[in-house]
Amino acid sequence: MESLPQDTTMLFSFVNMKLRDQYNSLEDLCEDLNVNKEDLVKRLAAGGFEYNESLKKFW
């Protein structure tokens, strides 16, 4: 996860942009960026963000 933004708000923005523009799912993003999905979800949850699978974004 060191290749991702360290600031939670920047991470939130980065992940949602990638999900909107480049990836079909959070799983695809995590696989391509070599990131553990559970760790990413926990890190964003600690910042108050929750993943909505039907909308394919964190909010």
Protein backbone atom coordinates (compact mmCIF):
# COMPACT_ATOMS: atom_id res chain seq x y z
CA MET A 1 0.00 0.00 0.00
CA GLU A 2 3.05 2.22 0.04
CA SER A 3 2.43 3.10 -3.62
CA LEU A 4 -0.95 4.63 -2.71
CA PRO A 5 -1.51 8.10 -1.23
CA GLN A 6 -0.86 8.08 2.51
CA ASP A 7 -3.41 10.80 3.35
CA THR A 8 -6.83 9.17 3.85
CA THR A 9 -8.75 11.87 1.97
CA MET A 10 -6.34 11.70 -0.96
CA LEU A 11 -6.58 7.90 -0.92
CA PHE A 12 -10.38 8.13 -0.97
CA SER A 13 -10.26 10.46 -3.98
CA PHE A 14 -7.61 8.39 -5.78
CA VAL A 15 -9.45 5.08 -5.36
CA ASN A 16 -12.82 6.49 -6.43
CA MET A 17 -11.24 8.13 -9.49
CA LYS A 18 -9.60 4.84 -10.48
CA LEU A 19 -12.86 2.93 -9.93
CA ARG A 20 -14.76 5.44 -12.04
CA ASP A 21 -12.24 5.73 -14.88
CA GLN A 22 -10.22 2.55 -15.06
CA TYR A 23 -11.50 -0.48 -13.12
CA ASN A 24 -14.71 -2.50 -13.18
CA SER A 25 -14.48 -3.48 -9.53
CA LEU A 26 -12.57 -2.94 -6.32
CA GLU A 27 -11.16 -6.43 -6.75
CA ASP A 28 -9.73 -5.51 -10.18
CA LEU A 29 -8.15 -2.35 -8.77
CA CYS A 30 -6.58 -4.20 -5.85
CA GLU A 31 -5.27 -7.00 -8.03
CA ASP A 32 -3.75 -4.62 -10.57
CA LEU A 33 -2.17 -2.36 -7.93
CA ASN A 34 -1.08 -5.35 -5.81
CA VAL A 35 -3.04 -4.10 -2.78
CA ASN A 36 -4.81 -6.20 -0.17
CA LYS A 37 -8.52 -5.40 -0.50
CA GLU A 38 -9.29 -5.90 3.19
CA ASP A 39 -6.43 -3.60 4.22
CA LEU A 40 -7.59 -0.91 1.82
CA VAL A 41 -11.21 -1.13 3.00
CA LYS A 42 -10.08 -1.01 6.67
CA ARG A 43 -7.82 1.96 6.06
CA LEU A 44 -10.60 3.93 4.37
CA ALA A 45 -13.13 2.83 7.00
CA ALA A 46 -10.83 4.23 9.70
CA GLY A 47 -11.19 7.57 7.90
CA GLY A 48 -14.99 7.30 7.89
CA PHE A 49 -15.42 6.00 4.34
CA GLU A 50 -17.50 2.96 3.43
CA TYR A 51 -17.48 0.99 0.18
CA ASN A 52 -20.77 0.68 -1.69
CA GLU A 53 -20.46 -2.24 -4.11
CA SER A 54 -23.61 -1.41 -6.08
CA LEU A 55 -22.37 2.15 -6.72
CA LYS A 56 -18.77 0.94 -7.11
CA LYS A 57 -17.36 3.71 -4.92
CA PHE A 58 -16.42 4.73 -1.41
CA TRP A 59 -18.54 7.37 0.29
